Amino acid sequence: MFASKARVAVLRVFVLDPVRAYYQRQIEAATGLPIRAVQRELERFARVGLLYRRTEGNRAYYQADTQFKLFPELRQIFLKMANPVDRLRGLLAVDPAVRMVFLNEAEGRVLVVTAAGEPPDLPGPRPYPVETMSLTEFERSLAEDRERIEPFLARGVDLLGRREEVTWRRIEAAGYDVRKGKGVP
């Protein structure tokens, strides 16, 4: 399974954020691999049952089967080998309350936006201090007082890449172009 760098790069995307479905071009952008290499690895993982494949129109979406017999072990291996930011991302990605995560590496701070503002359960040491804000509070800050969120939107990076959230339209309308973190689809 780890004999190919392409295979590891594709697998990394799914084990860090196993609750999300991705189409091939998202994997290509996140890994920097040629589309044919991405397609080959996705086909292999789907064939062995590690990924589900579904088609919508002309796009094929893939998602991790978290019930796959080796998935928990694979996830643990990747989290142990990951750099601190990817480990943080992997832990936050599976929390159903987490909506958005921003890292301002220059200031060494992370902002986690959750449904109700509850802090995420993060075991072990954290690479950066984590601030938590509710989605409602975040949207209010975006509309009325941007001081608290400005460092994350203007100079930070998006660690989850879940831009389907309607709040992202508001972020863009406010004039922010938040970069995605390295390896984030």
C-alpha atoms as a PDB file:
ATOM      1  CA  MET A   1       0.000   0.000   0.000  1.00  0.00           C
ATOM      2  CA  PHE A   2       2.894   2.412   0.679  1.00  0.00           C
ATOM      3  CA  ALA A   3       5.018   1.370  -2.308  1.00  0.00           C
ATOM      4  CA  SER A   4       3.907   4.322  -4.426  1.00  0.00           C
ATOM      5  CA  LYS A   5       4.264   8.029  -3.572  1.00  0.00           C
ATOM      6  CA  ALA A   6       1.134   8.721  -5.608  1.00  0.00           C
ATOM      7  CA  ARG A   7      -0.808   6.125  -3.631  1.00  0.00           C
ATOM      8  CA  VAL A   8       0.298   7.626  -0.325  1.00  0.00           C
ATOM      9  CA  ALA A   9      -0.563  11.172  -1.476  1.00  0.00           C
ATOM     10  CA  VAL A  10      -4.068  10.150  -2.566  1.00  0.00           C
ATOM     11  CA  LEU A  11      -4.678   8.076   0.547  1.00  0.00           C
ATOM     12  CA  ARG A  12      -3.545  10.981   2.757  1.00  0.00           C
ATOM     13  CA  VAL A  13      -6.417  13.135   1.474  1.00  0.00           C
ATOM     14  CA  PHE A  14      -9.007  10.562   2.498  1.00  0.00           C
ATOM     15  CA  VAL A  15      -7.621   9.587   5.879  1.00  0.00           C
ATOM     16  CA  LEU A  16      -7.204  13.200   7.022  1.00  0.00           C
ATOM     17  CA  ASP A  17     -10.796  14.102   6.098  1.00  0.00           C
ATOM     18  CA  PRO A  18     -12.743  10.850   5.766  1.00  0.00           C
ATOM     19  CA  VAL A  19     -16.213  12.383   6.045  1.00  0.00           C
ATOM     20  CA  ARG A  20     -15.979  14.359   2.828  1.00  0.00           C
ATOM     21  CA  ALA A  21     -16.437  13.165  -0.775  1.00  0.00           C
ATOM     22  CA  TYR A  22     -14.024  14.408  -3.435  1.00  0.00           C
ATOM     23  CA  TYR A  23     -14.019  14.415  -7.201  1.00  0.00           C
ATOM     24  CA  GLN A  24     -10.898  13.643  -9.178  1.00  0.00           C
ATOM     25  CA  ARG A  25      -9.839  17.224  -9.947  1.00  0.00           C
ATOM     26  CA  GLN A  26      -9.950  18.101  -6.233  1.00  0.00           C
ATOM     27  CA  ILE A  27      -7.564  15.237  -5.515  1.00  0.00           C
ATOM     28  CA  GLU A  28      -5.359  16.341  -8.409  1.00  0.00           C
ATOM     29  CA  ALA A  29      -5.181  19.896  -7.017  1.00  0.00           C
ATOM     30  CA  ALA A  30      -4.510  18.742  -3.452  1.00  0.00           C
ATOM     31  CA  THR A  31      -1.774  16.273  -4.359  1.00  0.00           C
ATOM     32  CA  GLY A  32      -0.169  17.944  -7.367  1.00  0.00           C
ATOM     33  CA  LEU A  33      -0.282  14.613  -9.188  1.00  0.00           C
ATOM     34  CA  PRO A  34      -1.235  14.193 -12.852  1.00  0.00           C
ATOM     35  CA  ILE A  35      -4.902  13.334 -13.288  1.00  0.00           C
ATOM     36  CA  ARG A  36      -4.109   9.884 -14.718  1.00  0.00           C
ATOM     37  CA  ALA A  37      -2.107   8.959 -11.598  1.00  0.00           C
ATOM     38  CA  VAL A  38      -4.999  10.156  -9.420  1.00  0.00           C
ATOM     39  CA  GLN A  39      -7.497   8.131 -11.445  1.00  0.00           C
ATOM     40  CA  ARG A  40      -5.331   5.012 -11.247  1.00  0.00           C
ATOM     41  CA  GLU A  41      -5.023   5.210  -7.447  1.00  0.00           C
ATOM     42  CA  LEU A  42      -8.703   6.013  -6.937  1.00  0.00           C
ATOM     43  CA  GLU A  43      -9.650   2.994  -9.050  1.00  0.00           C
ATOM     44  CA  ARG A  44      -7.352   0.759  -6.981  1.00  0.00           C
ATOM     45  CA  PHE A  45      -8.740   1.987  -3.663  1.00  0.00           C
ATOM     46  CA  ALA A  46     -12.336   1.623  -4.882  1.00  0.00           C
ATOM     47  CA  ARG A  47     -11.621  -1.895  -6.151  1.00  0.00           C
ATOM     48  CA  VAL A  48     -10.382  -3.080  -2.731  1.00  0.00           C
ATOM     49  CA  GLY A  49     -13.275  -1.387  -0.922  1.00  0.00           C
ATOM     50  CA  LEU A  50     -11.363   1.408   0.826  1.00  0.00           C
ATOM     51  CA  LEU A  51     -13.281   4.070  -1.131  1.00  0.00           C
ATOM     52  CA  TYR A  52     -16.873   4.408  -2.244  1.00  0.00           C
ATOM     53  CA  ARG A  53     -17.450   5.721  -5.756  1.00  0.00           C
ATOM     54  CA  ARG A  54     -20.585   7.522  -6.889  1.00  0.00           C
ATOM     55  CA  THR A  55     -21.348   9.431 -10.062  1.00  0.00           C
ATOM     56  CA  GLU A  56     -23.217  12.713 -10.404  1.00  0.00           C
ATOM     57  CA  GLY A  57     -23.505  13.880 -13.986  1.00  0.00           C
ATOM     58  CA  ASN A  58     -20.037  13.600 -15.481  1.00  0.00           C
ATOM     59  CA  ARG A  59     -18.197  13.665 -12.132  1.00  0.00           C
ATOM     60  CA  ALA A  60     -17.149  10.652 -10.110  1.00  0.00           C
ATOM     61  CA  TYR A  61     -16.975  11.307  -6.367  1.00  0.00           C
ATOM     62  CA  TYR A  62     -14.953   9.224  -3.942  1.00  0.00           C
ATOM     63  CA  GLN A  63     -15.260   8.943  -0.180  1.00  0.00           C
ATOM     64  CA  ALA A  64     -13.503   6.810   2.395  1.00  0.00           C
ATOM     65  CA  ASP A  65     -15.336   3.780   3.712  1.00  0.00           C
ATOM     66  CA  THR A  66     -14.603   4.250   7.398  1.00  0.00           C
ATOM     67  CA  GLN A  67     -15.957   0.734   8.003  1.00  0.00           C
ATOM     68  CA  PHE A  68     -13.195  -0.775   5.841  1.00  0.00           C
ATOM     69  CA  LYS A  69     -11.410  -3.281   8.068  1.00  0.00           C
ATOM     70  CA  LEU A  70      -8.015  -1.503   7.966  1.00  0.00           C
ATOM     71  CA  PHE A  71      -9.247   2.098   7.884  1.00  0.00           C
ATOM     72  CA  PRO A  72      -8.767   2.869  11.616  1.00  0.00           C
ATOM     73  CA  GLU A  73      -5.200   1.551  11.506  1.00  0.00           C
ATOM     74  CA  LEU A  74      -4.385   3.462   8.304  1.00  0.00           C
ATOM     75  CA  ARG A  75      -5.757   6.657   9.821  1.00  0.00           C
ATOM     76  CA  GLN A  76      -3.680   6.179  12.973  1.00  0.00           C
ATOM     77  CA  ILE A  77      -0.524   5.605  10.916  1.00  0.00           C
ATOM     78  CA  PHE A  78      -1.104   8.764   8.905  1.00  0.00           C
ATOM     79  CA  LEU A  79      -1.922  10.847  11.988  1.00  0.00           C
ATOM     80  CA  LYS A  80       1.232   9.616  13.742  1.00  0.00           C
ATOM     81  CA  MET A  81       3.390  10.395  10.707  1.00  0.00           C
ATOM     82  CA  ALA A  82       1.699  13.723   9.902  1.00  0.00           C
ATOM     83  CA  ASN A  83       3.188  17.103  10.604  1.00  0.00           C
ATOM     84  CA  PRO A  84       1.468  18.960  13.481  1.00  0.00           C
ATOM     85  CA  VAL A  85      -0.782  21.028  11.187  1.00  0.00           C
ATOM     86  CA  ASP A  86      -2.024  17.964   9.271  1.00  0.00           C
ATOM     87  CA  ARG A  87      -2.572  16.118  12.549  1.00  0.00           C
ATOM     88  CA  LEU A  88      -4.664  19.044  13.819  1.00  0.00           C
ATOM     89  CA  ARG A  89      -6.554  19.143  10.531  1.00  0.00           C
ATOM     90  CA  GLY A  90      -7.200  15.399  10.679  1.00  0.00           C
ATOM     91  CA  LEU A  91      -8.571  15.611  14.208  1.00  0.00           C
ATOM     92  CA  LEU A  92     -10.807  18.600  13.488  1.00  0.00           C
ATOM     93  CA  ALA A  93     -12.115  17.219  10.185  1.00  0.00           C
ATOM     94  CA  VAL A  94     -14.004  14.391  11.897  1.00  0.00           C
ATOM     95  CA  ASP A  95     -15.700  16.619  14.491  1.00  0.00           C
ATOM     96  CA  PRO A  96     -19.268  17.111  13.182  1.00  0.00           C
ATOM     97  CA  ALA A  97     -19.573  20.510  14.888  1.00  0.00           C
ATOM     98  CA  VAL A  98     -16.536  22.000  13.127  1.00  0.00           C
ATOM     99  CA  ARG A  99     -17.468  24.140  10.121  1.00  0.00           C
ATOM    100  CA  MET A 100     -14.250  26.008   9.253  1.00  0.00           C
ATOM    101  CA  VAL A 101     -10.641  26.070  10.441  1.00  0.00           C
ATOM    102  CA  PHE A 102      -8.203  28.895   9.751  1.00  0.00           C
ATOM    103  CA  LEU A 103      -4.500  28.922  10.519  1.00  0.00           C
ATOM    104  CA  ASN A 104      -2.544  32.150  10.853  1.00  0.00           C
ATOM    105  CA  GLU A 105       0.908  30.615  10.903  1.00  0.00           C
ATOM    106  CA  ALA A 106       2.693  33.977  11.162  1.00  0.00           C
ATOM    107  CA  GLU A 107       0.952  34.706  14.462  1.00  0.00           C
ATOM    108  CA  GLY A 108       0.834  31.047  15.481  1.00  0.00           C
ATOM    109  CA  ARG A 109      -2.920  30.882  16.028  1.00  0.00           C
ATOM    110  CA  VAL A 110      -5.815  28.727  14.856  1.00  0.00           C
ATOM    111  CA  LEU A 111      -9.463  29.779  14.641  1.00  0.00           C
ATOM    112  CA  VAL A 112     -12.027  26.975  14.722  1.00  0.00           C
ATOM    113  CA  VAL A 113     -15.578  27.910  13.750  1.00  0.00           C
ATOM    114  CA  THR A 114     -18.101  25.462  15.159  1.00  0.00           C
ATOM    115  CA  ALA A 115     -21.872  25.199  14.926  1.00  0.00           C
ATOM    116  CA  ALA A 116     -22.529  26.477  18.448  1.00  0.00           C
ATOM    117  CA  GLY A 117     -19.117  27.743  19.563  1.00  0.00           C
ATOM    118  CA  GLU A 118     -18.232  24.693  21.643  1.00  0.00           C
ATOM    119  CA  PRO A 119     -14.507  23.995  21.744  1.00  0.00           C
ATOM    120  CA  PRO A 120     -13.398  20.885  19.858  1.00  0.00           C
ATOM    121  CA  ASP A 121     -12.083  17.880  21.734  1.00  0.00           C
ATOM    122  CA  LEU A 122      -8.389  17.798  20.822  1.00  0.00           C
ATOM    123  CA  PRO A 123      -6.335  15.151  22.606  1.00  0.00           C
ATOM    124  CA  GLY A 124      -2.631  15.643  23.150  1.00  0.00           C
ATOM    125  CA  PRO A 125      -0.452  18.692  22.608  1.00  0.00           C
ATOM    126  CA  ARG A 126      -1.515  21.345  20.111  1.00  0.00           C
ATOM    127  CA  PRO A 127       0.902  22.934  17.671  1.00  0.00           C
ATOM    128  CA  TYR A 128      -0.881  26.308  18.033  1.00  0.00           C
ATOM    129  CA  PRO A 129      -3.293  27.919  20.472  1.00  0.00           C
ATOM    130  CA  VAL A 130      -6.854  27.265  19.303  1.00  0.00           C
ATOM    131  CA  GLU A 131      -9.566  29.910  19.485  1.00  0.00           C
ATOM    132  CA  THR A 132     -13.179  28.845  19.029  1.00  0.00           C
ATOM    133  CA  MET A 133     -16.081  30.862  17.695  1.00  0.00           C
ATOM    134  CA  SER A 134     -19.656  29.947  16.808  1.00  0.00           C
ATOM    135  CA  LEU A 135     -20.763  30.209  13.201  1.00  0.00           C
ATOM    136  CA  THR A 136     -23.247  32.933  14.193  1.00  0.00           C
ATOM    137  CA  GLU A 137     -20.542  34.892  16.016  1.00  0.00           C
ATOM    138  CA  PHE A 138     -18.195  34.505  13.036  1.00  0.00           C
ATOM    139  CA  GLU A 139     -20.803  35.833  10.604  1.00  0.00           C
ATOM    140  CA  ARG A 140     -21.578  38.738  12.943  1.00  0.00           C
ATOM    141  CA  SER A 141     -17.872  39.574  13.144  1.00  0.00           C
ATOM    142  CA  LEU A 142     -17.624  39.410   9.373  1.00  0.00           C
ATOM    143  CA  ALA A 143     -20.513  41.857   8.964  1.00  0.00           C
ATOM    144  CA  GLU A 144     -19.900  44.243  11.881  1.00  0.00           C
ATOM    145  CA  ASP A 145     -16.475  43.985  13.491  1.00  0.00           C
ATOM    146  CA  ARG A 146     -13.749  42.176  11.576  1.00  0.00           C
ATOM    147  CA  GLU A 147     -10.919  42.860  14.028  1.00  0.00           C
ATOM    148  CA  ARG A 148     -10.922  39.393  15.585  1.00  0.00           C
ATOM    149  CA  ILE A 149     -11.183  37.463  12.314  1.00  0.00           C
ATOM    150  CA  GLU A 150      -9.113  39.721  10.036  1.00  0.00           C
ATOM    151  CA  PRO A 151      -5.758  38.008  10.801  1.00  0.00           C
ATOM    152  CA  PHE A 152      -7.231  34.633   9.836  1.00  0.00           C
ATOM    153  CA  LEU A 153      -8.984  35.748   6.658  1.00  0.00           C
ATOM    154  CA  ALA A 154      -6.418  38.201   5.313  1.00  0.00           C
ATOM    155  CA  ARG A 155      -3.205  36.353   6.241  1.00  0.00           C
ATOM    156  CA  GLY A 156      -4.326  32.860   7.171  1.00  0.00           C
ATOM    157  CA  VAL A 157      -5.104  29.661   5.307  1.00  0.00           C
ATOM    158  CA  ASP A 158      -8.169  27.444   5.171  1.00  0.00           C
ATOM    159  CA  LEU A 159      -7.332  24.031   6.663  1.00  0.00           C
ATOM    160  CA  LEU A 160     -10.516  22.166   5.672  1.00  0.00           C
ATOM    161  CA  GLY A 161     -11.438  23.439   2.213  1.00  0.00           C
ATOM    162  CA  ARG A 162     -15.159  22.880   2.794  1.00  0.00           C
ATOM    163  CA  ARG A 163     -16.281  25.828   0.756  1.00  0.00           C
ATOM    164  CA  GLU A 164     -19.840  24.620   0.239  1.00  0.00           C
ATOM    165  CA  GLU A 165     -20.823  26.442   3.442  1.00  0.00           C
ATOM    166  CA  VAL A 166     -22.871  29.573   2.585  1.00  0.00           C
ATOM    167  CA  THR A 167     -20.612  31.552   4.913  1.00  0.00           C
ATOM    168  CA  TRP A 168     -17.875  31.250   2.279  1.00  0.00           C
ATOM    169  CA  ARG A 169     -20.017  33.364  -0.082  1.00  0.00           C
ATOM    170  CA  ARG A 170     -20.110  36.026   2.624  1.00  0.00           C
ATOM    171  CA  ILE A 171     -16.347  35.806   3.141  1.00  0.00           C
ATOM    172  CA  GLU A 172     -15.782  36.280  -0.596  1.00  0.00           C
ATOM    173  CA  ALA A 173     -18.342  39.108  -0.785  1.00  0.00           C
ATOM    174  CA  ALA A 174     -16.426  40.865   2.006  1.00  0.00           C
ATOM    175  CA  GLY A 175     -13.383  40.872  -0.275  1.00  0.00           C
ATOM    176  CA  TYR A 176     -11.331  38.042   1.226  1.00  0.00           C
ATOM    177  CA  ASP A 177      -9.515  35.485  -0.886  1.00  0.00           C
ATOM    178  CA  VAL A 178      -8.461  32.926   1.689  1.00  0.00           C
ATOM    179  CA  ARG A 179      -5.883  30.459   0.410  1.00  0.00           C
ATOM    180  CA  LYS A 180      -6.289  26.774   1.027  1.00  0.00           C
ATOM    181  CA  GLY A 181      -3.612  25.141   3.137  1.00  0.00           C
ATOM    182  CA  LYS A 182      -1.069  22.847   1.521  1.00  0.00           C
ATOM    183  CA  GLY A 183      -2.692  19.569   0.497  1.00  0.00           C
ATOM    184  CA  VAL A 184      -6.240  20.796   1.189  1.00  0.00           C
ATOM    185  CA  PRO A 185      -8.681  19.888  -1.610  1.00  0.00           C
END
